[in-house]
Amino acid sequence: MLPKVLCIAGPTASGKTKLGVLLAQKYNGEVVSIDSMQIYKGMTTGTAAPTPEETGGIPHHMVAIAGPDENWSAARFTAAADSCIQDILGRNKLPVLVGGTGLYLDAVIAGRTFAPGASGSAVRRALQAELEAGGIEPLLAELRRVDPEAAARLHPADTKRILRALEVYRETGKTISRHNEETRSLPGKYDPVYIGLAFRDREDLKTLIDRRVDRMLEDGLLEEARALLEKGISPDSTALQAIGYKELLPVLRGEASLEAAAAEIKLRSRQYAKRQLTWLRRNPDIHWIYWEKEQDFARALQKATEILTANGIQ
């Protein structure tokens, strides 16, 4: 019998945090954030990390645990999240996984490991130097020779994943395609019950995202981005490449207006929400709860309770 965990998934602004807290309160649970950006300190506003008031007294793990100058890999994230889940289970509580980073959620549930490789390694630095000296084509040609499956899957403009695939091969002698195939064949680590949140009409989600961006700016998102720069965080850091921060950097440099940046943040956030939904809809095990014009959390809690009861969580 695999340990039961509850997963609350959905696009940005869909209400995951609030429903996760309500269910954790009802089922003696603790929340594990599965969000690649909420791990960073000093980014509460832009990442919509839960405030002390929003946590409702429920412990939240994987929130504000890393410095914004750190670069966390998927492997490091999933290992840390798994440790939190094991700790919660060890105290006879229900892990409630909340987040919209689908790759990380899938990896945590499956107990999937990631191929070796680290930012700043000698192999990574060598690949980056080759990219800067000769462009992506020679590297893509190498990938076609050693891992044609990965090369066919990747767009030539996706330099990050091309370098990653070559890094894995050069470090291990094994292609990333083979590694992924081997990890997919492993049995899962947990028995998840998935609840997904989405709006019946996507236009309502777009409206809510736009309103949330406006509220983030009112709550000091620009000042939060400025504070990170003043602490010496590089504009090229993973943290400052997050949606909501990257678009404000030209404003802080005096190169763009706040109005233009706000419009860009809204656009990027809506595009991200679409990608999240596309990823999540590939999972046939998600029980979807659809919002109408407004988010009715009393109804969602009732519906979620029915789903959990039917799936063995009491």
Protein backbone atom coordinates (compact mmCIF):
# COMPACT_ATOMS: atom_id res chain seq x y z
CA MET A 1 0.00 0.00 0.00
CA LEU A 2 1.48 3.32 -1.10
CA PRO A 3 1.02 6.31 1.24
CA LYS A 4 -1.93 8.53 0.38
CA VAL A 5 -1.31 12.16 -0.51
CA LEU A 6 -3.68 14.89 -1.63
CA CYS A 7 -2.75 17.05 -4.61
CA ILE A 8 -4.43 20.40 -5.34
CA ALA A 9 -3.49 21.49 -8.85
CA GLY A 10 -4.56 24.16 -11.29
CA PRO A 11 -3.44 27.26 -13.13
CA THR A 12 -2.25 30.43 -11.47
CA ALA A 13 -4.97 32.36 -9.60
CA SER A 14 -7.35 29.37 -9.52
CA GLY A 15 -7.68 29.27 -5.72
CA LYS A 16 -5.33 26.39 -4.90
CA THR A 17 -3.88 27.96 -1.76
CA LYS A 18 -7.23 28.60 -0.10
CA LEU A 19 -8.71 25.19 -0.91
CA GLY A 20 -5.51 23.51 0.21
CA VAL A 21 -5.74 25.23 3.60
CA LEU A 22 -9.43 24.32 4.00
CA LEU A 23 -8.73 20.66 3.25
CA ALA A 24 -5.64 20.54 5.47
CA GLN A 25 -7.73 21.93 8.32
CA LYS A 26 -10.42 19.31 7.78
CA TYR A 27 -8.15 16.30 7.30
CA ASN A 28 -5.33 16.96 9.79
CA GLY A 29 -2.94 17.86 7.02
CA GLU A 30 0.04 20.06 6.29
CA VAL A 31 0.71 21.83 2.99
CA VAL A 32 3.71 21.25 0.78
CA SER A 33 4.03 23.97 -1.86
CA ILE A 34 4.89 22.58 -5.29
CA ASP A 35 5.80 25.91 -6.82
CA SER A 36 9.23 26.50 -8.31
CA MET A 37 9.27 30.19 -7.35
CA GLN A 38 7.64 30.26 -3.90
CA ILE A 39 10.83 28.73 -2.48
CA TYR A 40 12.59 32.11 -2.73
CA LYS A 41 12.71 34.54 0.18
CA GLY A 42 11.65 38.13 -0.35
CA MET A 43 9.25 37.29 -3.19
CA THR A 44 5.95 36.85 -1.37
CA THR A 45 3.98 39.34 -3.45
CA GLY A 46 5.12 38.32 -6.91
CA THR A 47 4.87 34.56 -6.35
CA ALA A 48 1.53 34.79 -4.50
CA ALA A 49 3.11 32.89 -1.62
CA PRO A 50 0.66 32.45 1.26
CA THR A 51 0.77 35.11 3.94
CA PRO A 52 0.54 34.12 7.63
CA GLU A 53 -3.13 35.08 7.53
CA GLU A 54 -3.78 32.94 4.46
CA THR A 55 -2.16 29.83 5.94
CA GLY A 56 -4.94 29.60 8.53
CA GLY A 57 -2.52 28.14 11.06
CA ILE A 58 -1.61 25.26 8.77
CA PRO A 59 2.15 24.59 8.40
CA HIS A 60 3.34 25.33 4.87
CA HIS A 61 6.52 23.65 3.67
CA MET A 62 8.76 24.64 0.73
CA VAL A 63 7.90 28.34 1.03
CA ALA A 64 10.64 31.00 1.43
CA ILE A 65 13.37 28.44 2.11
CA ALA A 66 16.01 29.62 -0.40
CA GLY A 67 17.90 32.81 -1.03
CA PRO A 68 16.93 34.59 -4.26
CA ASP A 69 20.52 34.24 -5.44
CA GLU A 70 20.24 30.43 -5.39
CA ASN A 71 19.47 28.36 -8.47
CA TRP A 72 17.43 25.31 -7.52
CA SER A 73 17.28 22.43 -9.99
CA ALA A 74 14.23 20.21 -10.37
CA ALA A 75 16.21 17.43 -8.71
CA ARG A 76 16.98 19.53 -5.65
CA PHE A 77 13.40 20.75 -5.39
CA THR A 78 11.81 17.32 -5.61
CA ALA A 79 14.26 15.84 -3.09
CA ALA A 80 13.48 18.61 -0.59
CA ALA A 81 9.73 18.32 -1.16
CA ASP A 82 9.90 14.56 -0.71
CA SER A 83 11.65 14.99 2.63
CA CYS A 84 8.79 17.23 3.76
CA ILE A 85 6.21 14.66 2.67
CA GLN A 86 8.01 11.86 4.51
CA ASP A 87 8.16 13.98 7.65
CA ILE A 88 4.43 14.75 7.49
CA LEU A 89 3.55 11.10 6.94
CA GLY A 90 5.83 10.12 9.81
CA ARG A 91 3.70 12.27 12.11
CA ASN A 92 0.50 10.58 10.86
CA LYS A 93 -0.71 13.66 9.04
CA LEU A 94 -1.94 14.07 5.48
CA PRO A 95 0.45 15.73 3.01
CA VAL A 96 -1.48 18.27 0.94
CA LEU A 97 0.57 19.12 -2.15
CA VAL A 98 -0.47 22.48 -3.57
CA GLY A 99 0.90 24.03 -6.73
CA GLY A 100 0.87 24.53 -10.45
CA THR A 101 4.38 23.42 -11.43
CA GLY A 102 3.23 20.24 -13.17
CA LEU A 103 6.65 18.77 -13.88
CA TYR A 104 7.64 18.97 -10.23
CA LEU A 105 4.32 17.58 -9.01
CA ASP A 106 4.57 14.59 -11.35
CA ALA A 107 8.18 13.96 -10.30
CA VAL A 108 7.39 14.08 -6.57
CA ILE A 109 4.45 11.68 -6.88
CA ALA A 110 6.40 9.24 -9.04
CA GLY A 111 9.51 9.42 -6.87
CA ARG A 112 11.33 10.28 -10.07
CA THR A 113 15.01 11.09 -10.07
CA PHE A 114 16.60 13.55 -12.46
CA ALA A 115 19.71 12.97 -14.53
CA PRO A 116 22.96 14.34 -13.04
CA GLY A 117 24.15 17.83 -13.80
CA ALA A 118 24.48 21.05 -11.90
CA SER A 119 24.56 24.74 -12.62
CA GLY A 120 28.14 25.91 -12.52
CA SER A 121 29.70 22.52 -13.26
CA ALA A 122 32.70 22.23 -15.57
CA VAL A 123 30.58 20.49 -18.22
CA ARG A 124 27.93 23.19 -18.04
CA ARG A 125 30.54 25.95 -18.32
CA ALA A 126 32.15 24.24 -21.31
CA LEU A 127 28.82 23.91 -23.10
CA GLN A 128 27.99 27.54 -22.41
CA ALA A 129 31.37 28.60 -23.82
CA GLU A 130 30.78 26.52 -26.96
CA LEU A 131 27.36 28.11 -27.36
CA GLU A 132 28.79 31.61 -27.09
CA ALA A 133 31.63 30.83 -29.51
CA GLY A 134 29.81 28.89 -32.22
CA GLY A 135 26.07 29.24 -31.68
CA ILE A 136 23.54 26.49 -31.17
CA GLU A 137 23.88 24.63 -34.49
CA PRO A 138 27.09 22.68 -33.73
CA LEU A 139 25.65 21.66 -30.37
CA LEU A 140 22.35 20.65 -31.93
CA ALA A 141 24.24 18.62 -34.53
CA GLU A 142 26.07 16.80 -31.72
CA LEU A 143 22.76 16.09 -30.00
CA ARG A 144 21.34 14.68 -33.24
CA ARG A 145 24.26 12.23 -33.35
CA VAL A 146 24.11 11.02 -29.76
CA ASP A 147 20.40 11.41 -28.93
CA PRO A 148 18.29 11.83 -32.09
CA GLU A 149 15.09 11.36 -30.09
CA ALA A 150 15.80 14.37 -27.88
CA ALA A 151 17.04 16.42 -30.85
CA ALA A 152 13.81 15.78 -32.75
CA ARG A 153 11.76 16.80 -29.72
CA LEU A 154 13.56 20.10 -29.06
CA HIS A 155 13.17 23.33 -30.99
CA PRO A 156 16.48 24.89 -32.12
CA ALA A 157 15.62 27.98 -30.08
CA ASP A 158 15.34 25.92 -26.88
CA THR A 159 19.00 26.33 -26.00
CA LYS A 160 18.46 25.59 -22.31
CA ARG A 161 17.15 22.06 -22.93
CA ILE A 162 19.62 21.34 -25.72
CA LEU A 163 22.50 22.17 -23.37
CA ARG A 164 20.87 20.11 -20.63
CA ALA A 165 20.56 17.04 -22.89
CA LEU A 166 24.22 17.30 -23.93
CA GLU A 167 25.28 17.88 -20.34
CA VAL A 168 23.63 14.63 -19.24
CA TYR A 169 25.27 12.68 -22.05
CA ARG A 170 28.74 14.13 -21.50
CA GLU A 171 28.59 13.56 -17.75
CA THR A 172 27.05 10.07 -17.73
CA GLY A 173 27.46 8.54 -21.18
CA LYS A 174 23.72 7.94 -21.09
CA THR A 175 21.25 9.99 -23.13
CA ILE A 176 18.59 12.01 -21.39
CA SER A 177 15.98 10.13 -23.47
CA ARG A 178 17.15 6.81 -22.01
CA HIS A 179 17.24 8.24 -18.50
CA ASN A 180 13.68 9.56 -18.84
CA GLU A 181 12.47 6.22 -20.19
CA GLU A 182 14.01 4.36 -17.27
CA THR A 183 12.52 6.68 -14.67
CA ARG A 184 9.06 6.53 -16.28
CA SER A 185 9.07 2.74 -15.93
CA LEU A 186 9.61 2.90 -12.16
CA PRO A 187 6.58 2.29 -9.89
CA GLY A 188 5.10 5.36 -8.23
CA LYS A 189 6.07 6.36 -4.69
CA TYR A 190 2.73 7.72 -3.49
CA ASP A 191 -0.98 7.07 -4.01
CA PRO A 192 -2.29 10.52 -4.99
CA VAL A 193 -5.80 11.88 -5.02
CA TYR A 194 -5.82 14.78 -7.45
CA ILE A 195 -8.20 17.72 -7.32
CA GLY A 196 -7.95 20.28 -10.10
CA LEU A 197 -9.34 23.81 -10.05
CA ALA A 198 -10.30 25.68 -13.20
CA PHE A 199 -12.89 28.13 -14.46
CA ARG A 200 -15.71 26.90 -16.66
CA ASP A 201 -15.15 29.95 -18.89
CA ARG A 202 -11.48 30.75 -19.42
CA GLU A 203 -12.31 34.41 -19.90
CA ASP A 204 -13.18 34.51 -16.20
CA LEU A 205 -9.73 33.20 -15.34
CA LYS A 206 -8.14 35.84 -17.56
CA THR A 207 -10.12 38.55 -15.79
CA LEU A 208 -9.09 37.22 -12.39
CA ILE A 209 -5.42 37.07 -13.42
CA ASP A 210 -5.54 40.68 -14.61
CA ARG A 211 -7.10 41.77 -11.33
CA ARG A 212 -4.51 39.88 -9.34
CA VAL A 213 -1.63 41.53 -11.22
CA ASP A 214 -3.15 44.94 -10.46
CA ARG A 215 -3.42 43.97 -6.79
CA MET A 216 0.20 42.72 -6.70
CA LEU A 217 1.39 46.06 -8.04
CA GLU A 218 -0.74 47.88 -5.46
CA ASP A 219 0.77 45.65 -2.76
CA GLY A 220 4.31 46.61 -3.68
CA LEU A 221 5.55 44.23 -6.39
CA LEU A 222 7.72 46.95 -7.95
CA GLU A 223 9.29 47.70 -4.58
CA GLU A 224 9.86 43.98 -4.01
CA ALA A 225 11.73 43.71 -7.32
CA ARG A 226 13.76 46.83 -6.51
CA ALA A 227 14.71 45.43 -3.11
CA LEU A 228 16.06 42.25 -4.71
CA LEU A 229 18.26 44.26 -7.06
CA GLU A 230 19.48 46.44 -4.20
CA LYS A 231 20.54 43.26 -2.37
CA GLY A 232 22.79 42.47 -5.32
CA ILE A 233 20.65 39.76 -6.89
CA SER A 234 21.61 39.43 -10.57
CA PRO A 235 18.94 40.34 -13.13
CA ASP A 236 19.85 37.02 -14.79
CA SER A 237 19.14 34.98 -11.66
CA THR A 238 16.38 32.39 -11.72
CA ALA A 239 14.41 34.40 -9.18
CA LEU A 240 14.38 37.61 -11.22
CA GLN A 241 13.47 35.73 -14.39
CA ALA A 242 10.11 34.84 -12.81
CA ILE A 243 6.97 36.32 -14.32
CA GLY A 244 6.21 39.60 -12.59
CA TYR A 245 9.84 40.41 -11.87
CA LYS A 246 11.48 40.08 -15.28
CA GLU A 247 8.95 42.49 -16.82
CA LEU A 248 9.65 45.12 -14.16
CA LEU A 249 13.42 45.23 -14.68
CA PRO A 250 13.16 47.67 -17.64
CA VAL A 251 10.96 49.90 -15.47
CA LEU A 252 13.62 49.97 -12.76
CA ARG A 253 16.23 50.81 -15.41
CA GLY A 254 14.07 53.66 -16.68
CA GLU A 255 13.56 51.96 -20.04
CA ALA A 256 9.80 51.24 -19.86
CA SER A 257 6.66 52.53 -18.22
CA LEU A 258 4.93 50.76 -15.36
CA GLU A 259 1.76 50.60 -17.45
CA ALA A 260 3.55 48.74 -20.25
CA ALA A 261 5.15 46.35 -17.75
CA ALA A 262 1.79 45.65 -16.10
CA ALA A 263 0.26 44.76 -19.46
CA GLU A 264 3.20 42.45 -20.18
CA ILE A 265 2.90 40.72 -16.80
CA LYS A 266 -0.79 40.10 -17.42
CA LEU A 267 -0.08 38.65 -20.86
CA ARG A 268 2.72 36.39 -19.62
CA SER A 269 0.61 35.25 -16.67
CA ARG A 270 -2.31 34.33 -18.94
CA GLN A 271 0.03 32.44 -21.26
CA TYR A 272 1.52 30.60 -18.30
CA ALA A 273 -1.94 29.64 -17.05
CA LYS A 274 -2.72 28.17 -20.46
CA ARG A 275 0.48 26.10 -20.39
CA GLN A 276 -0.34 24.88 -16.89
CA LEU A 277 -3.79 23.71 -17.98
CA THR A 278 -2.38 21.98 -21.04
CA TRP A 279 0.06 20.04 -18.84
CA LEU A 280 -2.51 19.14 -16.19
CA ARG A 281 -5.18 18.01 -18.64
CA ARG A 282 -2.88 15.20 -19.72
CA ASN A 283 -3.45 13.62 -16.32
CA PRO A 284 -6.65 11.52 -16.49
CA ASP A 285 -6.70 11.03 -12.71
CA ILE A 286 -7.47 14.66 -11.86
CA HIS A 287 -10.95 15.29 -10.45
CA TRP A 288 -11.83 18.74 -11.76
CA ILE A 289 -13.86 21.29 -9.86
CA TYR A 290 -15.00 24.10 -12.13
CA TRP A 291 -15.69 27.60 -10.92
CA GLU A 292 -18.49 29.58 -12.50
CA LYS A 293 -18.25 33.38 -12.46
CA GLU A 294 -17.13 33.44 -8.84
CA GLN A 295 -15.11 31.07 -6.66
CA ASP A 296 -17.49 29.28 -4.28
CA PHE A 297 -15.17 27.67 -1.74
CA ALA A 298 -17.97 26.21 0.37
CA ARG A 299 -19.17 24.26 -2.66
CA ALA A 300 -15.61 23.32 -3.62
CA LEU A 301 -14.93 22.01 -0.10
CA GLN A 302 -18.08 19.90 -0.21
CA LYS A 303 -17.23 18.52 -3.64
CA ALA A 304 -13.62 17.84 -2.63
CA THR A 305 -14.82 16.02 0.50
CA GLU A 306 -16.95 13.73 -1.65
CA ILE A 307 -13.96 13.02 -3.92
CA LEU A 308 -11.65 12.27 -1.02
CA THR A 309 -14.17 9.99 0.71
CA ALA A 310 -14.67 8.04 -2.51
CA ASN A 311 -10.88 7.65 -2.76
CA GLY A 312 -10.24 6.40 0.75
CA ILE A 313 -9.27 9.59 2.58
CA GLN A 314 -11.37 10.06 5.70
